[in-house]
């Protein structure tokens, strides 16, 4: 699990504005047409079961069940026109639904 510099800057800016937090938790949930969707949340403390990765000074926490689906993923933060957001570059993805909300491994 890696973060690009752009993603790390965005997370650090948000945590700084928030005034607290140790990083982001990345996982997957069952949903959508293709089966799985990413979930991303800012976290204030590390849970005992979390697997911790750190890139560019930012901690990324992953629960053990999600790791099999997102192992090797790069989290990026991109701006495309007027839109901006996180982009998941997951080498395990085999298919993605047409709306882009879910994926299959």
N, C-alpha and C. Protein backbone atom coordinates (compact mmCIF):
# COMPACT_ATOMS: atom_id res chain seq x y z
N UNK A 1 0.85 -1.18 0.00
CA UNK A 1 0.00 0.00 0.00
C UNK A 1 0.89 1.23 0.00
N UNK A 2 0.71 2.08 -0.99
CA UNK A 2 1.50 3.30 -1.05
C UNK A 2 0.59 4.51 -1.31
N UNK A 3 1.10 5.67 -0.95
CA UNK A 3 0.44 6.94 -1.25
C UNK A 3 1.36 7.74 -2.14
N UNK A 4 0.78 8.47 -3.07
CA UNK A 4 1.58 9.41 -3.83
C UNK A 4 1.82 10.64 -2.96
N UNK A 5 2.75 11.49 -3.38
CA UNK A 5 2.99 12.72 -2.64
C UNK A 5 1.74 13.59 -2.61
N UNK A 6 1.00 13.63 -3.73
CA UNK A 6 -0.23 14.44 -3.79
C UNK A 6 -1.26 13.96 -2.78
N UNK A 7 -1.42 12.65 -2.65
CA UNK A 7 -2.37 12.09 -1.68
C UNK A 7 -1.92 12.40 -0.25
N UNK A 8 -0.64 12.25 0.01
CA UNK A 8 -0.11 12.52 1.35
C UNK A 8 -0.30 14.00 1.71
N UNK A 9 -0.05 14.90 0.77
CA UNK A 9 -0.26 16.34 1.03
C UNK A 9 -1.72 16.62 1.37
N UNK A 10 -2.63 16.02 0.61
CA UNK A 10 -4.05 16.25 0.85
C UNK A 10 -4.46 15.74 2.23
N UNK A 11 -4.03 14.54 2.58
CA UNK A 11 -4.36 13.97 3.89
C UNK A 11 -3.79 14.84 5.01
N UNK A 12 -2.53 15.25 4.87
CA UNK A 12 -1.91 16.09 5.90
C UNK A 12 -2.63 17.43 6.05
N UNK A 13 -3.03 18.05 4.93
CA UNK A 13 -3.78 19.32 4.99
C UNK A 13 -5.10 19.12 5.74
N UNK A 14 -5.80 18.04 5.40
CA UNK A 14 -7.09 17.79 6.03
C UNK A 14 -6.92 17.53 7.53
N UNK A 15 -5.96 16.69 7.89
CA UNK A 15 -5.73 16.39 9.31
C UNK A 15 -5.34 17.65 10.07
N UNK A 16 -4.55 18.51 9.44
CA UNK A 16 -4.14 19.76 10.07
C UNK A 16 -5.35 20.67 10.32
N UNK A 17 -6.23 20.79 9.32
CA UNK A 17 -7.45 21.60 9.48
C UNK A 17 -8.37 21.01 10.53
N UNK A 18 -8.42 19.70 10.57
CA UNK A 18 -9.26 18.98 11.52
C UNK A 18 -8.75 19.13 12.95
N UNK A 19 -7.43 19.27 13.08
CA UNK A 19 -6.83 19.47 14.38
C UNK A 19 -6.54 18.19 15.15
N UNK A 20 -6.80 17.05 14.54
CA UNK A 20 -6.51 15.76 15.17
C UNK A 20 -6.52 14.68 14.11
N UNK A 21 -6.05 13.49 14.49
CA UNK A 21 -6.05 12.36 13.58
C UNK A 21 -4.66 11.79 13.38
N UNK A 22 -4.62 10.47 13.13
CA UNK A 22 -3.34 9.80 12.93
C UNK A 22 -3.12 9.39 11.47
N UNK A 23 -4.18 9.43 10.67
CA UNK A 23 -4.05 9.03 9.26
C UNK A 23 -5.39 8.67 8.68
N UNK A 24 -5.36 7.76 7.69
CA UNK A 24 -6.59 7.32 7.03
C UNK A 24 -6.72 5.81 7.10
N UNK A 25 -7.95 5.35 7.18
CA UNK A 25 -8.22 3.92 7.14
C UNK A 25 -8.81 3.61 5.76
N UNK A 26 -8.21 2.65 5.10
CA UNK A 26 -8.64 2.23 3.78
C UNK A 26 -9.15 0.81 3.88
N UNK A 27 -10.30 0.55 3.28
CA UNK A 27 -10.86 -0.79 3.30
C UNK A 27 -11.80 -0.98 2.12
N UNK A 28 -12.47 -2.11 2.12
CA UNK A 28 -13.47 -2.39 1.09
C UNK A 28 -14.76 -2.82 1.77
N UNK A 29 -15.86 -2.61 1.07
CA UNK A 29 -17.16 -3.08 1.54
C UNK A 29 -17.88 -3.71 0.36
N UNK A 30 -18.80 -4.60 0.65
CA UNK A 30 -19.58 -5.27 -0.39
C UNK A 30 -20.72 -4.35 -0.80
N UNK A 31 -20.75 -4.02 -2.11
CA UNK A 31 -21.78 -3.12 -2.62
C UNK A 31 -21.66 -3.00 -4.13
N UNK A 32 -22.60 -2.32 -4.73
CA UNK A 32 -22.50 -1.97 -6.16
C UNK A 32 -22.70 -3.14 -7.10
N UNK A 33 -22.59 -2.82 -8.41
CA UNK A 33 -22.83 -3.83 -9.45
C UNK A 33 -21.68 -4.82 -9.58
N UNK A 34 -20.47 -4.42 -9.25
CA UNK A 34 -19.32 -5.31 -9.42
C UNK A 34 -18.93 -6.03 -8.13
N UNK A 35 -19.49 -5.66 -7.00
CA UNK A 35 -19.27 -6.43 -5.79
C UNK A 35 -18.57 -5.72 -4.65
N UNK A 36 -17.53 -4.92 -4.92
CA UNK A 36 -16.76 -4.28 -3.86
C UNK A 36 -16.62 -2.79 -4.12
N UNK A 37 -16.56 -2.01 -3.07
CA UNK A 37 -16.31 -0.58 -3.18
C UNK A 37 -15.27 -0.19 -2.13
N UNK A 38 -14.48 0.81 -2.45
CA UNK A 38 -13.49 1.31 -1.50
C UNK A 38 -14.17 2.14 -0.44
N UNK A 39 -13.63 2.09 0.76
CA UNK A 39 -14.08 3.02 1.81
C UNK A 39 -12.83 3.66 2.40
N UNK A 40 -12.92 4.92 2.65
CA UNK A 40 -11.79 5.70 3.14
C UNK A 40 -12.31 6.63 4.22
N UNK A 41 -11.65 6.62 5.37
CA UNK A 41 -12.07 7.50 6.46
C UNK A 41 -10.85 7.98 7.23
N UNK A 42 -10.95 9.17 7.76
CA UNK A 42 -9.89 9.70 8.60
C UNK A 42 -10.06 9.11 9.99
N UNK A 43 -8.95 8.75 10.64
CA UNK A 43 -9.02 8.09 11.93
C UNK A 43 -8.20 8.82 12.99
N UNK A 44 -8.68 8.69 14.22
CA UNK A 44 -8.02 9.36 15.34
C UNK A 44 -7.11 8.44 16.13
N UNK A 45 -7.31 7.13 16.01
CA UNK A 45 -6.43 6.19 16.72
C UNK A 45 -6.33 4.88 15.97
N UNK A 46 -5.23 4.21 16.16
CA UNK A 46 -4.97 2.93 15.52
C UNK A 46 -5.67 1.83 16.31
N UNK A 47 -6.44 0.99 15.62
CA UNK A 47 -7.09 -0.16 16.26
C UNK A 47 -6.08 -1.30 16.35
N UNK A 48 -6.22 -2.17 17.35
CA UNK A 48 -5.25 -3.27 17.52
C UNK A 48 -5.10 -4.16 16.30
N UNK A 49 -6.19 -4.36 15.55
CA UNK A 49 -6.12 -5.25 14.39
C UNK A 49 -5.62 -4.56 13.11
N UNK A 50 -5.47 -3.25 13.12
CA UNK A 50 -5.04 -2.52 11.93
C UNK A 50 -3.63 -2.91 11.49
N UNK A 51 -3.46 -3.02 10.18
CA UNK A 51 -2.13 -3.17 9.59
C UNK A 51 -1.75 -1.77 9.13
N UNK A 52 -0.58 -1.29 9.55
CA UNK A 52 -0.19 0.11 9.33
C UNK A 52 0.90 0.20 8.28
N UNK A 53 0.66 1.05 7.28
CA UNK A 53 1.64 1.40 6.27
C UNK A 53 1.89 2.89 6.43
N UNK A 54 3.10 3.34 6.13
CA UNK A 54 3.39 4.77 6.22
C UNK A 54 4.17 5.21 5.00
N UNK A 55 3.66 6.26 4.34
CA UNK A 55 4.31 6.86 3.18
C UNK A 55 4.26 8.36 3.30
N UNK A 56 5.37 9.01 3.04
CA UNK A 56 5.44 10.48 3.05
C UNK A 56 4.89 11.04 4.36
N UNK A 57 5.13 10.33 5.46
CA UNK A 57 4.71 10.80 6.78
C UNK A 57 3.24 10.59 7.10
N UNK A 58 2.52 9.85 6.27
CA UNK A 58 1.09 9.60 6.50
C UNK A 58 0.87 8.12 6.76
N UNK A 59 0.10 7.83 7.82
CA UNK A 59 -0.23 6.45 8.14
C UNK A 59 -1.50 6.04 7.39
N UNK A 60 -1.44 4.86 6.77
CA UNK A 60 -2.60 4.25 6.13
C UNK A 60 -2.89 2.97 6.91
N UNK A 61 -4.09 2.88 7.46
CA UNK A 61 -4.48 1.74 8.27
C UNK A 61 -5.43 0.87 7.46
N UNK A 62 -5.18 -0.44 7.48
CA UNK A 62 -6.01 -1.37 6.72
C UNK A 62 -6.40 -2.52 7.62
N UNK A 63 -7.69 -2.88 7.57
CA UNK A 63 -8.12 -4.04 8.35
C UNK A 63 -7.68 -5.31 7.62
N UNK A 64 -7.37 -6.37 8.35
CA UNK A 64 -6.84 -7.59 7.73
C UNK A 64 -7.74 -8.19 6.65
N UNK A 65 -9.06 -8.09 6.78
CA UNK A 65 -9.97 -8.66 5.78
C UNK A 65 -9.88 -7.93 4.45
N UNK A 66 -9.67 -6.63 4.48
CA UNK A 66 -9.59 -5.83 3.25
C UNK A 66 -8.25 -5.96 2.55
N UNK A 67 -7.20 -6.29 3.30
CA UNK A 67 -5.85 -6.31 2.72
C UNK A 67 -5.74 -7.20 1.49
N UNK A 68 -6.39 -8.35 1.49
CA UNK A 68 -6.30 -9.26 0.34
C UNK A 68 -6.81 -8.62 -0.94
N UNK A 69 -7.77 -7.71 -0.84
CA UNK A 69 -8.36 -7.07 -2.01
C UNK A 69 -7.59 -5.84 -2.48
N UNK A 70 -6.85 -5.21 -1.55
CA UNK A 70 -6.20 -3.94 -1.91
C UNK A 70 -4.68 -3.97 -1.75
N UNK A 71 -4.12 -5.16 -1.52
CA UNK A 71 -2.67 -5.27 -1.40
C UNK A 71 -2.01 -4.78 -2.69
N UNK A 72 -1.04 -3.91 -2.57
CA UNK A 72 -0.34 -3.37 -3.73
C UNK A 72 -0.97 -2.11 -4.32
N UNK A 73 -2.06 -1.63 -3.73
CA UNK A 73 -2.77 -0.46 -4.23
C UNK A 73 -1.98 0.82 -3.97
N UNK A 74 -2.05 1.73 -4.92
CA UNK A 74 -1.49 3.07 -4.76
C UNK A 74 -2.65 4.04 -4.65
N UNK A 75 -2.65 4.85 -3.61
CA UNK A 75 -3.67 5.86 -3.41
C UNK A 75 -3.12 7.19 -3.91
N UNK A 76 -3.84 7.80 -4.83
CA UNK A 76 -3.42 9.07 -5.42
C UNK A 76 -4.52 10.10 -5.17
N UNK A 77 -4.19 11.37 -5.29
CA UNK A 77 -5.17 12.44 -5.22
C UNK A 77 -5.04 13.23 -6.50
N UNK A 78 -6.10 13.28 -7.29
CA UNK A 78 -6.03 13.90 -8.62
C UNK A 78 -7.07 14.99 -8.78
N UNK A 79 -6.73 15.93 -9.63
CA UNK A 79 -7.66 16.99 -10.04
C UNK A 79 -7.88 16.83 -11.54
N UNK A 80 -9.14 16.69 -11.93
CA UNK A 80 -9.49 16.57 -13.33
C UNK A 80 -10.57 17.60 -13.62
N UNK A 81 -10.18 18.69 -14.27
CA UNK A 81 -11.13 19.78 -14.50
C UNK A 81 -11.54 20.40 -13.18
N UNK A 82 -12.83 20.46 -12.95
CA UNK A 82 -13.35 21.04 -11.70
C UNK A 82 -13.47 20.01 -10.59
N UNK A 83 -13.22 18.74 -10.91
CA UNK A 83 -13.36 17.66 -9.92
C UNK A 83 -12.01 17.29 -9.33
N UNK A 84 -12.04 16.89 -8.09
CA UNK A 84 -10.84 16.38 -7.44
C UNK A 84 -11.24 15.28 -6.48
N UNK A 85 -10.31 14.35 -6.25
CA UNK A 85 -10.61 13.28 -5.32
C UNK A 85 -9.54 12.22 -5.34
N UNK A 86 -9.73 11.24 -4.47
CA UNK A 86 -8.78 10.13 -4.38
C UNK A 86 -9.00 9.17 -5.53
N UNK A 87 -7.91 8.62 -6.02
CA UNK A 87 -7.96 7.62 -7.09
C UNK A 87 -7.20 6.40 -6.60
N UNK A 88 -7.81 5.24 -6.76
CA UNK A 88 -7.24 3.98 -6.32
C UNK A 88 -6.65 3.25 -7.53
N UNK A 89 -5.34 3.06 -7.52
CA UNK A 89 -4.67 2.31 -8.58
C UNK A 89 -4.36 0.93 -8.01
N UNK A 90 -5.31 0.01 -8.23
CA UNK A 90 -5.26 -1.31 -7.61
C UNK A 90 -4.92 -2.37 -8.66
N UNK A 91 -3.74 -3.00 -8.54
CA UNK A 91 -3.36 -4.02 -9.52
C UNK A 91 -4.21 -5.29 -9.44
N UNK A 92 -5.01 -5.44 -8.37
CA UNK A 92 -5.85 -6.62 -8.21
C UNK A 92 -7.20 -6.50 -8.91
N UNK A 93 -7.57 -5.29 -9.34
CA UNK A 93 -8.86 -5.10 -10.00
C UNK A 93 -8.91 -5.86 -11.31
N UNK A 94 -9.97 -6.62 -11.50
CA UNK A 94 -10.18 -7.35 -12.76
C UNK A 94 -11.25 -6.69 -13.60
N UNK A 95 -12.15 -5.98 -12.94
CA UNK A 95 -13.27 -5.36 -13.64
C UNK A 95 -13.79 -4.22 -12.78
N UNK A 96 -14.38 -3.23 -13.43
CA UNK A 96 -14.96 -2.08 -12.74
C UNK A 96 -16.31 -1.81 -13.37
N UNK A 97 -17.29 -1.46 -12.56
CA UNK A 97 -18.62 -1.20 -13.11
C UNK A 97 -18.61 0.08 -13.94
N UNK A 98 -19.60 0.24 -14.77
CA UNK A 98 -19.69 1.38 -15.67
C UNK A 98 -19.74 2.73 -14.97
N UNK A 99 -20.34 2.78 -13.80
CA UNK A 99 -20.45 4.05 -13.08
C UNK A 99 -19.19 4.35 -12.27
N UNK A 100 -18.29 3.36 -12.14
CA UNK A 100 -17.04 3.58 -11.43
C UNK A 100 -17.12 3.48 -9.92
N UNK A 101 -18.28 3.07 -9.40
CA UNK A 101 -18.45 3.02 -7.95
C UNK A 101 -17.97 1.72 -7.32
N UNK A 102 -17.88 0.65 -8.10
CA UNK A 102 -17.48 -0.63 -7.52
C UNK A 102 -16.53 -1.37 -8.44
N UNK A 103 -15.90 -2.41 -7.90
CA UNK A 103 -14.92 -3.17 -8.66
C UNK A 103 -14.96 -4.63 -8.26
N UNK A 104 -14.26 -5.47 -9.03
CA UNK A 104 -14.19 -6.90 -8.78
C UNK A 104 -12.71 -7.30 -8.85
N UNK A 105 -12.32 -8.26 -8.00
CA UNK A 105 -10.94 -8.78 -8.04
C UNK A 105 -10.96 -10.22 -8.52
